[in-house]
Amino acid sequence: MGWLDALLGRTKPVKPNLDALFALPSAAVTLQAATGLTPTGLGSVAFRAAEGGAFASLERDVQALLGDRVERSSDGYGYTWLLVRRPPEALSDLVTELHAVNSSLEGAGFGPSLLCSLVSFARQDGGRLAVVYLYKRGTFYPFAPLPGEKRDNALELQARGALEGELPLEKDLGRWFPVWGAPGL
């Protein structure tokens, strides 16, 4: 970063650290103790699909690797979601597969197309929460949807308190984007 960038208030972009995903299984234990939320066995990766044979081939390879544990869908914003299913007690395997999807896209030069990854959690009373990894920021944040496109802010802040020190959390609450209708939530 040069002096002109500093003068104009530009900052150097944060490099994503996909290995931070591997901290999720131990963070889940802390989250469960603090909030009663347990893993659902569902996780997903969102990316903007690219045109061309190379991307289509990569996407087929990823789907072949994960087999019937993966479902592909698209949202109204033009993002493709790959939903991965595992037994709830296999959170480490789920995270490994989400990491593999992200790494495959990044390794093939499609890293800028990645939006986020999420792992979902639920309480016995029906409360749901996703721990979302923002690829371009290299940080996590909790997202707790309620019916009617509302958020359970209290649960999100409680989860943030539980996850602090466990995961690199997004400090700017304005970047805690809602992922309404995300597969796995």
N, C-alpha and C. Protein backbone atom coordinates (compact mmCIF):
# COMPACT_ATOMS: atom_id res chain seq x y z
N MET A 1 0.85 -1.17 0.00
CA MET A 1 0.00 0.00 0.00
C MET A 1 0.89 1.23 0.00
N GLY A 2 0.63 2.14 -0.90
CA GLY A 2 1.44 3.34 -1.04
C GLY A 2 0.89 4.50 -0.25
N TRP A 3 1.65 5.61 -0.27
CA TRP A 3 1.25 6.79 0.49
C TRP A 3 -0.02 7.40 -0.07
N LEU A 4 -0.25 7.32 -1.38
CA LEU A 4 -1.47 7.86 -1.97
C LEU A 4 -2.70 7.08 -1.50
N ASP A 5 -2.54 5.76 -1.40
CA ASP A 5 -3.64 4.94 -0.90
C ASP A 5 -3.98 5.33 0.53
N ALA A 6 -2.97 5.54 1.35
CA ALA A 6 -3.19 5.94 2.74
C ALA A 6 -3.87 7.30 2.81
N LEU A 7 -3.43 8.22 1.97
CA LEU A 7 -4.00 9.55 1.93
C LEU A 7 -5.47 9.53 1.51
N LEU A 8 -5.80 8.67 0.56
CA LEU A 8 -7.18 8.57 0.07
C LEU A 8 -8.05 7.63 0.91
N GLY A 9 -7.49 7.05 1.95
CA GLY A 9 -8.26 6.19 2.84
C GLY A 9 -8.47 4.79 2.32
N ARG A 10 -7.70 4.39 1.34
CA ARG A 10 -7.83 3.03 0.81
C ARG A 10 -7.08 2.08 1.73
N THR A 11 -7.63 0.91 1.86
CA THR A 11 -6.96 -0.10 2.66
C THR A 11 -6.62 -1.30 1.79
N LYS A 12 -5.64 -2.03 2.23
CA LYS A 12 -5.23 -3.23 1.52
C LYS A 12 -6.27 -4.32 1.78
N PRO A 13 -6.74 -5.01 0.74
CA PRO A 13 -7.74 -6.05 0.96
C PRO A 13 -7.19 -7.17 1.83
N VAL A 14 -8.07 -7.72 2.65
CA VAL A 14 -7.70 -8.84 3.52
C VAL A 14 -7.61 -10.10 2.67
N LYS A 15 -6.59 -10.89 2.89
CA LYS A 15 -6.47 -12.16 2.18
C LYS A 15 -7.31 -13.20 2.90
N PRO A 16 -8.12 -13.96 2.16
CA PRO A 16 -8.91 -15.00 2.80
C PRO A 16 -7.99 -16.09 3.35
N ASN A 17 -8.41 -16.67 4.44
CA ASN A 17 -7.68 -17.77 5.06
C ASN A 17 -8.65 -18.93 5.21
N LEU A 18 -8.75 -19.74 4.18
CA LEU A 18 -9.70 -20.84 4.20
C LEU A 18 -9.44 -21.82 5.33
N ASP A 19 -8.20 -21.90 5.80
CA ASP A 19 -7.90 -22.81 6.91
C ASP A 19 -8.60 -22.41 8.19
N ALA A 20 -9.09 -21.16 8.26
CA ALA A 20 -9.86 -20.73 9.44
C ALA A 20 -11.14 -21.56 9.59
N LEU A 21 -11.62 -22.14 8.49
CA LEU A 21 -12.80 -23.00 8.57
C LEU A 21 -12.58 -24.18 9.51
N PHE A 22 -11.35 -24.65 9.60
CA PHE A 22 -11.06 -25.82 10.44
C PHE A 22 -11.21 -25.53 11.93
N ALA A 23 -11.35 -24.27 12.30
CA ALA A 23 -11.59 -23.92 13.71
C ALA A 23 -13.06 -24.08 14.10
N LEU A 24 -13.93 -24.28 13.11
CA LEU A 24 -15.36 -24.38 13.39
C LEU A 24 -15.75 -25.53 14.32
N PRO A 25 -15.22 -26.75 14.15
CA PRO A 25 -15.64 -27.83 15.05
C PRO A 25 -15.38 -27.54 16.53
N SER A 26 -14.23 -26.97 16.86
CA SER A 26 -13.99 -26.66 18.29
C SER A 26 -14.83 -25.46 18.73
N ALA A 27 -15.05 -24.49 17.82
CA ALA A 27 -15.90 -23.36 18.15
C ALA A 27 -17.35 -23.81 18.38
N ALA A 28 -17.76 -24.87 17.68
CA ALA A 28 -19.12 -25.39 17.83
C ALA A 28 -19.36 -25.92 19.24
N VAL A 29 -18.34 -26.49 19.84
CA VAL A 29 -18.47 -26.99 21.22
C VAL A 29 -18.72 -25.82 22.17
N THR A 30 -17.98 -24.74 21.99
CA THR A 30 -18.16 -23.54 22.80
C THR A 30 -19.53 -22.93 22.55
N LEU A 31 -19.94 -22.87 21.30
CA LEU A 31 -21.25 -22.32 20.94
C LEU A 31 -22.37 -23.13 21.58
N GLN A 32 -22.25 -24.44 21.56
CA GLN A 32 -23.28 -25.29 22.16
C GLN A 32 -23.36 -25.08 23.67
N ALA A 33 -22.23 -24.98 24.32
CA ALA A 33 -22.21 -24.78 25.77
C ALA A 33 -22.84 -23.43 26.15
N ALA A 34 -22.61 -22.40 25.34
CA ALA A 34 -23.08 -21.06 25.67
C ALA A 34 -24.53 -20.80 25.25
N THR A 35 -24.98 -21.45 24.16
CA THR A 35 -26.29 -21.10 23.60
C THR A 35 -27.25 -22.27 23.43
N GLY A 36 -26.76 -23.49 23.55
CA GLY A 36 -27.60 -24.66 23.31
C GLY A 36 -27.76 -25.00 21.84
N LEU A 37 -27.06 -24.30 20.96
CA LEU A 37 -27.13 -24.57 19.53
C LEU A 37 -26.23 -25.76 19.18
N THR A 38 -26.78 -26.68 18.39
CA THR A 38 -26.01 -27.84 17.96
C THR A 38 -25.94 -27.88 16.43
N PRO A 39 -24.89 -28.48 15.88
CA PRO A 39 -24.78 -28.55 14.42
C PRO A 39 -25.94 -29.34 13.82
N THR A 40 -26.39 -28.91 12.65
CA THR A 40 -27.47 -29.61 11.95
C THR A 40 -26.94 -30.60 10.92
N GLY A 41 -25.65 -30.50 10.60
CA GLY A 41 -25.07 -31.34 9.55
C GLY A 41 -25.19 -30.73 8.17
N LEU A 42 -25.63 -29.46 8.11
CA LEU A 42 -25.80 -28.78 6.84
C LEU A 42 -24.81 -27.62 6.73
N GLY A 43 -24.22 -27.49 5.56
CA GLY A 43 -23.32 -26.38 5.29
C GLY A 43 -23.39 -26.07 3.80
N SER A 44 -23.09 -24.85 3.44
CA SER A 44 -23.16 -24.50 2.03
C SER A 44 -22.10 -23.48 1.65
N VAL A 45 -21.84 -23.42 0.36
CA VAL A 45 -20.89 -22.49 -0.24
C VAL A 45 -21.63 -21.72 -1.31
N ALA A 46 -21.49 -20.39 -1.29
CA ALA A 46 -22.11 -19.54 -2.31
C ALA A 46 -21.03 -18.92 -3.18
N PHE A 47 -21.27 -18.92 -4.48
CA PHE A 47 -20.33 -18.34 -5.44
C PHE A 47 -21.09 -17.89 -6.67
N ARG A 48 -20.49 -17.00 -7.40
CA ARG A 48 -21.08 -16.55 -8.67
C ARG A 48 -20.48 -17.44 -9.76
N ALA A 49 -21.36 -18.21 -10.40
CA ALA A 49 -20.91 -19.13 -11.44
C ALA A 49 -20.34 -18.34 -12.62
N ALA A 50 -19.29 -18.87 -13.20
CA ALA A 50 -18.67 -18.24 -14.37
C ALA A 50 -19.07 -19.01 -15.63
N GLU A 51 -18.99 -18.34 -16.74
CA GLU A 51 -19.28 -18.97 -18.04
C GLU A 51 -18.04 -19.72 -18.50
N GLY A 52 -18.26 -20.72 -19.28
CA GLY A 52 -17.14 -21.41 -19.91
C GLY A 52 -16.98 -22.84 -19.47
N GLY A 53 -16.24 -23.55 -20.27
CA GLY A 53 -16.03 -24.97 -20.05
C GLY A 53 -15.19 -25.29 -18.83
N ALA A 54 -14.19 -24.46 -18.54
CA ALA A 54 -13.32 -24.73 -17.39
C ALA A 54 -14.11 -24.70 -16.09
N PHE A 55 -14.98 -23.71 -15.96
CA PHE A 55 -15.78 -23.61 -14.74
C PHE A 55 -16.79 -24.75 -14.65
N ALA A 56 -17.44 -25.06 -15.76
CA ALA A 56 -18.42 -26.15 -15.77
C ALA A 56 -17.76 -27.48 -15.41
N SER A 57 -16.56 -27.70 -15.92
CA SER A 57 -15.82 -28.92 -15.61
C SER A 57 -15.46 -28.98 -14.13
N LEU A 58 -15.01 -27.86 -13.58
CA LEU A 58 -14.66 -27.80 -12.16
C LEU A 58 -15.89 -28.08 -11.30
N GLU A 59 -17.01 -27.48 -11.67
CA GLU A 59 -18.24 -27.68 -10.90
C GLU A 59 -18.67 -29.15 -10.94
N ARG A 60 -18.57 -29.79 -12.09
CA ARG A 60 -18.89 -31.22 -12.20
C ARG A 60 -17.96 -32.05 -11.34
N ASP A 61 -16.66 -31.70 -11.33
CA ASP A 61 -15.69 -32.44 -10.51
C ASP A 61 -16.02 -32.33 -9.03
N VAL A 62 -16.39 -31.12 -8.59
CA VAL A 62 -16.74 -30.92 -7.18
C VAL A 62 -17.97 -31.73 -6.83
N GLN A 63 -18.98 -31.69 -7.69
CA GLN A 63 -20.20 -32.45 -7.42
C GLN A 63 -19.92 -33.95 -7.44
N ALA A 64 -19.04 -34.42 -8.31
CA ALA A 64 -18.68 -35.83 -8.36
C ALA A 64 -17.93 -36.24 -7.09
N LEU A 65 -17.08 -35.36 -6.60
CA LEU A 65 -16.32 -35.64 -5.38
C LEU A 65 -17.24 -35.82 -4.18
N LEU A 66 -18.26 -34.98 -4.08
CA LEU A 66 -19.16 -35.02 -2.92
C LEU A 66 -20.34 -35.95 -3.11
N GLY A 67 -20.60 -36.37 -4.33
CA GLY A 67 -21.66 -37.35 -4.60
C GLY A 67 -23.04 -36.86 -4.21
N ASP A 68 -23.83 -37.77 -3.64
CA ASP A 68 -25.21 -37.44 -3.31
C ASP A 68 -25.35 -36.60 -2.04
N ARG A 69 -24.24 -36.22 -1.44
CA ARG A 69 -24.27 -35.36 -0.24
C ARG A 69 -24.39 -33.88 -0.61
N VAL A 70 -24.38 -33.56 -1.90
CA VAL A 70 -24.41 -32.17 -2.33
C VAL A 70 -25.63 -31.90 -3.22
N GLU A 71 -26.23 -30.72 -3.02
CA GLU A 71 -27.33 -30.25 -3.86
C GLU A 71 -26.95 -28.87 -4.38
N ARG A 72 -27.26 -28.63 -5.63
CA ARG A 72 -26.96 -27.34 -6.27
C ARG A 72 -28.25 -26.56 -6.40
N SER A 73 -28.18 -25.26 -6.10
CA SER A 73 -29.34 -24.38 -6.30
C SER A 73 -28.83 -22.98 -6.61
N SER A 74 -29.74 -22.12 -7.07
CA SER A 74 -29.41 -20.73 -7.37
C SER A 74 -30.37 -19.83 -6.61
N ASP A 75 -29.91 -18.62 -6.30
CA ASP A 75 -30.79 -17.68 -5.61
C ASP A 75 -31.15 -16.52 -6.54
N GLY A 76 -31.97 -15.63 -6.06
CA GLY A 76 -32.44 -14.51 -6.84
C GLY A 76 -31.38 -13.45 -7.12
N TYR A 77 -30.22 -13.56 -6.50
CA TYR A 77 -29.15 -12.59 -6.69
C TYR A 77 -28.10 -13.07 -7.69
N GLY A 78 -28.33 -14.25 -8.27
CA GLY A 78 -27.40 -14.77 -9.26
C GLY A 78 -26.28 -15.63 -8.69
N TYR A 79 -26.38 -16.00 -7.42
CA TYR A 79 -25.36 -16.84 -6.81
C TYR A 79 -25.78 -18.30 -6.86
N THR A 80 -24.80 -19.16 -7.02
CA THR A 80 -25.01 -20.59 -6.99
C THR A 80 -24.64 -21.07 -5.59
N TRP A 81 -25.45 -21.95 -5.05
CA TRP A 81 -25.20 -22.51 -3.72
C TRP A 81 -25.01 -24.01 -3.85
N LEU A 82 -23.97 -24.51 -3.21
CA LEU A 82 -23.79 -25.95 -3.07
C LEU A 82 -24.04 -26.30 -1.61
N LEU A 83 -25.12 -27.04 -1.37
CA LEU A 83 -25.49 -27.47 -0.03
C LEU A 83 -24.91 -28.86 0.21
N VAL A 84 -24.15 -28.99 1.28
CA VAL A 84 -23.53 -30.27 1.63
C VAL A 84 -24.22 -30.80 2.89
N ARG A 85 -24.58 -32.09 2.86
CA ARG A 85 -25.25 -32.74 3.99
C ARG A 85 -24.34 -33.79 4.61
N ARG A 86 -24.28 -33.78 5.91
CA ARG A 86 -23.55 -34.77 6.70
C ARG A 86 -24.35 -35.04 7.95
N PRO A 87 -24.10 -36.15 8.64
CA PRO A 87 -24.75 -36.34 9.93
C PRO A 87 -24.31 -35.21 10.89
N PRO A 88 -25.19 -34.75 11.77
CA PRO A 88 -24.84 -33.64 12.67
C PRO A 88 -23.55 -33.86 13.47
N GLU A 89 -23.26 -35.11 13.80
CA GLU A 89 -22.06 -35.39 14.60
C GLU A 89 -20.79 -35.40 13.75
N ALA A 90 -20.91 -35.24 12.43
CA ALA A 90 -19.75 -35.26 11.54
C ALA A 90 -19.38 -33.85 11.08
N LEU A 91 -19.37 -32.90 12.02
CA LEU A 91 -19.07 -31.51 11.67
C LEU A 91 -17.67 -31.36 11.07
N SER A 92 -16.71 -32.10 11.56
CA SER A 92 -15.35 -32.02 11.00
C SER A 92 -15.32 -32.43 9.54
N ASP A 93 -16.06 -33.48 9.20
CA ASP A 93 -16.13 -33.92 7.80
C ASP A 93 -16.82 -32.88 6.94
N LEU A 94 -17.89 -32.28 7.47
CA LEU A 94 -18.60 -31.24 6.74
C LEU A 94 -17.68 -30.06 6.44
N VAL A 95 -16.95 -29.62 7.46
CA VAL A 95 -16.03 -28.49 7.28
C VAL A 95 -14.94 -28.84 6.27
N THR A 96 -14.44 -30.05 6.32
CA THR A 96 -13.41 -30.48 5.35
C THR A 96 -13.96 -30.42 3.93
N GLU A 97 -15.21 -30.83 3.74
CA GLU A 97 -15.80 -30.79 2.40
C GLU A 97 -16.07 -29.35 1.94
N LEU A 98 -16.51 -28.49 2.85
CA LEU A 98 -16.70 -27.08 2.49
C LEU A 98 -15.36 -26.45 2.11
N HIS A 99 -14.33 -26.79 2.86
CA HIS A 99 -12.98 -26.29 2.56
C HIS A 99 -12.54 -26.79 1.18
N ALA A 100 -12.83 -28.03 0.86
CA ALA A 100 -12.44 -28.59 -0.43
C ALA A 100 -13.13 -27.86 -1.58
N VAL A 101 -14.41 -27.54 -1.41
CA VAL A 101 -15.13 -26.79 -2.45
C VAL A 101 -14.49 -25.42 -2.64
N ASN A 102 -14.29 -24.70 -1.53
CA ASN A 102 -13.67 -23.36 -1.60
C ASN A 102 -12.28 -23.43 -2.21
N SER A 103 -11.48 -24.38 -1.78
CA SER A 103 -10.10 -24.51 -2.27
C SER A 103 -10.07 -24.85 -3.76
N SER A 104 -11.00 -25.69 -4.19
CA SER A 104 -11.06 -26.06 -5.61
C SER A 104 -11.36 -24.83 -6.46
N LEU A 105 -12.33 -24.04 -6.04
CA LEU A 105 -12.67 -22.83 -6.78
C LEU A 105 -11.51 -21.83 -6.76
N GLU A 106 -10.91 -21.65 -5.60
CA GLU A 106 -9.80 -20.72 -5.47
C GLU A 106 -8.60 -21.18 -6.30
N GLY A 107 -8.28 -22.47 -6.21
CA GLY A 107 -7.13 -23.01 -6.92
C GLY A 107 -7.26 -22.94 -8.43
N ALA A 108 -8.50 -22.96 -8.92
CA ALA A 108 -8.74 -22.87 -10.37
C ALA A 108 -8.85 -21.43 -10.84
N GLY A 109 -8.60 -20.48 -9.94
CA GLY A 109 -8.63 -19.07 -10.32
C GLY A 109 -9.98 -18.40 -10.17
N PHE A 110 -10.94 -19.09 -9.52
CA PHE A 110 -12.27 -18.53 -9.36
C PHE A 110 -12.50 -17.99 -7.95
N GLY A 111 -11.45 -17.73 -7.20
CA GLY A 111 -11.57 -17.18 -5.85
C GLY A 111 -12.40 -15.91 -5.79
N PRO A 112 -12.23 -14.97 -6.74
CA PRO A 112 -13.04 -13.75 -6.70
C PRO A 112 -14.55 -14.02 -6.84
N SER A 113 -14.92 -15.21 -7.31
CA SER A 113 -16.34 -15.55 -7.45
C SER A 113 -16.95 -16.03 -6.15
N LEU A 114 -16.11 -16.39 -5.17
CA LEU A 114 -16.63 -16.90 -3.89
C LEU A 114 -17.25 -15.78 -3.07
N LEU A 115 -18.42 -16.05 -2.51
CA LEU A 115 -19.10 -15.09 -1.64
C LEU A 115 -18.93 -15.48 -0.18
N CYS A 116 -19.45 -16.64 0.19
CA CYS A 116 -19.39 -17.06 1.59
C CYS A 116 -19.60 -18.56 1.70
N SER A 117 -19.33 -19.05 2.90
CA SER A 117 -19.66 -20.42 3.29
C SER A 117 -20.40 -20.31 4.60
N LEU A 118 -21.28 -21.26 4.87
CA LEU A 118 -21.96 -21.23 6.16
C LEU A 118 -22.18 -22.64 6.67
N VAL A 119 -22.24 -22.72 7.99
CA VAL A 119 -22.57 -23.96 8.68
C VAL A 119 -23.74 -23.63 9.58
N SER A 120 -24.78 -24.48 9.56
CA SER A 120 -25.97 -24.14 10.33
C SER A 120 -26.06 -24.92 11.63
N PHE A 121 -26.71 -24.26 12.59
CA PHE A 121 -26.91 -24.79 13.94
C PHE A 121 -28.38 -24.59 14.31
N ALA A 122 -28.88 -25.39 15.25
CA ALA A 122 -30.27 -25.26 15.69
C ALA A 122 -30.37 -25.55 17.18
N ARG A 123 -31.39 -24.97 17.80
CA ARG A 123 -31.73 -25.27 19.20
C ARG A 123 -32.96 -26.15 19.22
N GLN A 124 -33.22 -26.78 20.35
CA GLN A 124 -34.40 -27.63 20.46
C GLN A 124 -35.69 -26.83 20.36
N ASP A 125 -35.66 -25.55 20.71
CA ASP A 125 -36.86 -24.71 20.61
C ASP A 125 -37.12 -24.22 19.19
N GLY A 126 -36.28 -24.64 18.23
CA GLY A 126 -36.47 -24.26 16.84
C GLY A 126 -35.62 -23.10 16.39
N GLY A 127 -34.93 -22.42 17.30
CA GLY A 127 -34.05 -21.32 16.91
C GLY A 127 -32.94 -21.82 16.00
N ARG A 128 -32.64 -21.04 14.97
CA ARG A 128 -31.61 -21.43 14.02
C ARG A 128 -30.56 -20.33 13.92
N LEU A 129 -29.36 -20.76 13.58
CA LEU A 129 -28.25 -19.82 13.44
C LEU A 129 -27.28 -20.39 12.42
N ALA A 130 -26.72 -19.53 11.61
CA ALA A 130 -25.64 -19.92 10.70
C ALA A 130 -24.38 -19.18 11.11
N VAL A 131 -23.27 -19.87 11.11
CA VAL A 131 -21.98 -19.22 11.26
C VAL A 131 -21.48 -19.05 9.84
N VAL A 132 -21.38 -17.79 9.41
CA VAL A 132 -21.07 -17.44 8.02
C VAL A 132 -19.61 -17.01 7.92
N TYR A 133 -18.90 -17.57 6.93
CA TYR A 133 -17.53 -17.17 6.64
C TYR A 133 -17.56 -16.30 5.39
N LEU A 134 -17.16 -15.04 5.53
CA LEU A 134 -17.08 -14.11 4.39
C LEU A 134 -15.73 -14.31 3.72
N TYR A 135 -15.74 -14.84 2.52
CA TYR A 135 -14.50 -15.17 1.83
C TYR A 135 -13.61 -13.95 1.63
N LYS A 136 -14.18 -12.86 1.14
CA LYS A 136 -13.37 -11.68 0.80
C LYS A 136 -12.85 -10.94 2.03
N ARG A 137 -13.42 -11.18 3.20
CA ARG A 137 -12.98 -10.51 4.43
C ARG A 137 -12.15 -11.44 5.32
N GLY A 138 -12.28 -12.75 5.11
CA GLY A 138 -11.55 -13.70 5.94
C GLY A 138 -12.07 -13.74 7.37
N THR A 139 -13.36 -13.40 7.56
CA THR A 139 -13.94 -13.34 8.90
C THR A 139 -15.27 -14.09 8.95
N PHE A 140 -15.70 -14.36 10.17
CA PHE A 140 -16.97 -15.05 10.42
C PHE A 140 -17.94 -14.08 11.09
N TYR A 141 -19.23 -14.40 10.98
CA TYR A 141 -20.25 -13.71 11.76
C TYR A 141 -21.46 -14.63 11.91
N PRO A 142 -22.24 -14.45 12.98
CA PRO A 142 -23.45 -15.26 13.16
C PRO A 142 -24.64 -14.60 12.47
N PHE A 143 -25.51 -15.41 11.92
CA PHE A 143 -26.75 -14.92 11.32
C PHE A 143 -27.90 -15.80 11.81
N ALA A 144 -28.86 -15.19 12.50
CA ALA A 144 -29.99 -15.92 13.07
C ALA A 144 -31.29 -15.40 12.47
N PRO A 145 -31.83 -16.10 11.46
CA PRO A 145 -33.06 -15.64 10.81
C PRO A 145 -34.30 -15.97 11.64
N LEU A 146 -35.29 -15.10 11.51
CA LEU A 146 -36.61 -15.32 12.08
C LEU A 146 -37.62 -15.26 10.94
N PRO A 147 -38.82 -15.80 11.14
CA PRO A 147 -39.83 -15.70 10.08
C PRO A 147 -40.09 -14.24 9.69
N GLY A 148 -40.44 -14.05 8.42
CA GLY A 148 -40.75 -12.70 7.95
C GLY A 148 -39.52 -11.87 7.65
N GLU A 149 -38.42 -12.52 7.33
CA GLU A 149 -37.15 -11.83 7.06
C GLU A 149 -36.77 -10.86 8.16
N LYS A 150 -36.83 -11.36 9.38
CA LYS A 150 -36.35 -10.63 10.55
C LYS A 150 -35.17 -11.40 11.12
N ARG A 151 -34.43 -10.73 11.98
CA ARG A 151 -33.25 -11.36 12.59
C ARG A 151 -33.40 -11.42 14.09
N ASP A 152 -32.85 -12.47 14.67
CA ASP A 152 -32.79 -12.61 16.12
C ASP A 152 -31.47 -11.98 16.57
N ASN A 153 -31.49 -10.66 16.73
CA ASN A 153 -30.26 -9.92 17.08
C ASN A 153 -29.67 -10.37 18.40
N ALA A 154 -30.54 -10.69 19.37
CA ALA A 154 -30.04 -11.13 20.67
C ALA A 154 -29.25 -12.42 20.54
N LEU A 155 -29.75 -13.36 19.76
CA LEU A 155 -29.04 -14.63 19.56
C LEU A 155 -27.73 -14.39 18.81
N GLU A 156 -27.75 -13.51 17.81
CA GLU A 156 -26.52 -13.22 17.06
C GLU A 156 -25.45 -12.64 17.99
N LEU A 157 -25.83 -11.72 18.86
CA LEU A 157 -24.86 -11.12 19.78
C LEU A 157 -24.39 -12.13 20.83
N GLN A 158 -25.30 -12.99 21.27
CA GLN A 158 -24.92 -14.04 22.22
C GLN A 158 -23.91 -15.00 21.57
N ALA A 159 -24.18 -15.35 20.32
CA ALA A 159 -23.26 -16.23 19.59
C ALA A 159 -21.91 -15.55 19.37
N ARG A 160 -21.94 -14.25 19.05
CA ARG A 160 -20.68 -13.52 18.88
C ARG A 160 -19.86 -13.58 20.16
N GLY A 161 -20.51 -13.37 21.30
CA GLY A 161 -19.79 -13.45 22.57
C GLY A 161 -19.18 -14.82 22.81
N ALA A 162 -19.91 -15.88 22.43
CA ALA A 162 -19.40 -17.24 22.62
C ALA A 162 -18.25 -17.56 21.67
N LEU A 163 -18.31 -17.02 20.46
CA LEU A 163 -17.31 -17.35 19.44
C LEU A 163 -16.07 -16.46 19.48
N GLU A 164 -16.15 -15.37 20.23
CA GLU A 164 -15.01 -14.46 20.32
C GLU A 164 -13.80 -15.21 20.88
N GLY A 165 -12.70 -15.11 20.22
CA GLY A 165 -11.49 -15.83 20.63
C GLY A 165 -11.39 -17.20 19.99
N GLU A 166 -12.51 -17.73 19.49
CA GLU A 166 -12.52 -19.03 18.82
C GLU A 166 -12.30 -18.89 17.31
N LEU A 167 -12.92 -17.84 16.74
CA LEU A 167 -12.88 -17.60 15.30
C LEU A 167 -12.54 -16.14 15.04
N PRO A 168 -11.96 -15.82 13.88
CA PRO A 168 -11.76 -14.41 13.53
C PRO A 168 -13.11 -13.80 13.15
N LEU A 169 -13.70 -13.02 14.05
CA LEU A 169 -15.04 -12.47 13.84
C LEU A 169 -14.99 -11.13 13.12
N GLU A 170 -16.02 -10.88 12.32
CA GLU A 170 -16.17 -9.61 11.62
C GLU A 170 -16.56 -8.56 12.65
N LYS A 171 -15.72 -7.56 12.81
CA LYS A 171 -15.97 -6.51 13.81
C LYS A 171 -17.01 -5.50 13.35
N ASP A 172 -17.11 -5.26 12.05
CA ASP A 172 -18.05 -4.30 11.49
C ASP A 172 -19.43 -4.95 11.36
N LEU A 173 -20.35 -4.63 12.28
CA LEU A 173 -21.68 -5.24 12.27
C LEU A 173 -22.44 -4.92 10.98
N GLY A 174 -22.07 -3.85 10.31
CA GLY A 174 -22.69 -3.52 9.03
C GLY A 174 -22.38 -4.53 7.94
N ARG A 175 -21.39 -5.36 8.16
CA ARG A 175 -21.02 -6.39 7.19
C ARG A 175 -21.61 -7.76 7.57
N TRP A 176 -22.45 -7.79 8.58
CA TRP A 176 -23.14 -9.02 8.94
C TRP A 176 -24.37 -9.13 8.04
N PHE A 177 -24.13 -9.44 6.78
CA PHE A 177 -25.18 -9.45 5.77
C PHE A 177 -26.15 -10.60 6.00
N PRO A 178 -27.43 -10.35 5.83
CA PRO A 178 -28.39 -11.46 5.93
C PRO A 178 -28.27 -12.36 4.70
N VAL A 179 -28.41 -13.62 4.90
CA VAL A 179 -28.40 -14.58 3.80
C VAL A 179 -29.76 -15.30 3.80
N TRP A 180 -30.80 -14.49 3.56
CA TRP A 180 -32.17 -15.00 3.56
C TRP A 180 -32.31 -16.16 2.59
N GLY A 181 -32.93 -17.21 3.06
CA GLY A 181 -33.21 -18.36 2.19
C GLY A 181 -31.99 -19.16 1.79
N ALA A 182 -30.89 -18.97 2.48
CA ALA A 182 -29.68 -19.74 2.14
C ALA A 182 -29.95 -21.22 2.36
N PRO A 183 -29.54 -22.08 1.43
CA PRO A 183 -29.70 -23.50 1.62
C PRO A 183 -29.00 -23.96 2.90
N GLY A 184 -29.69 -24.74 3.67
CA GLY A 184 -29.12 -25.22 4.93
C GLY A 184 -29.62 -24.49 6.14
N LEU A 185 -30.27 -23.35 5.93
CA LEU A 185 -30.84 -22.62 7.06
C LEU A 185 -32.26 -23.02 7.20
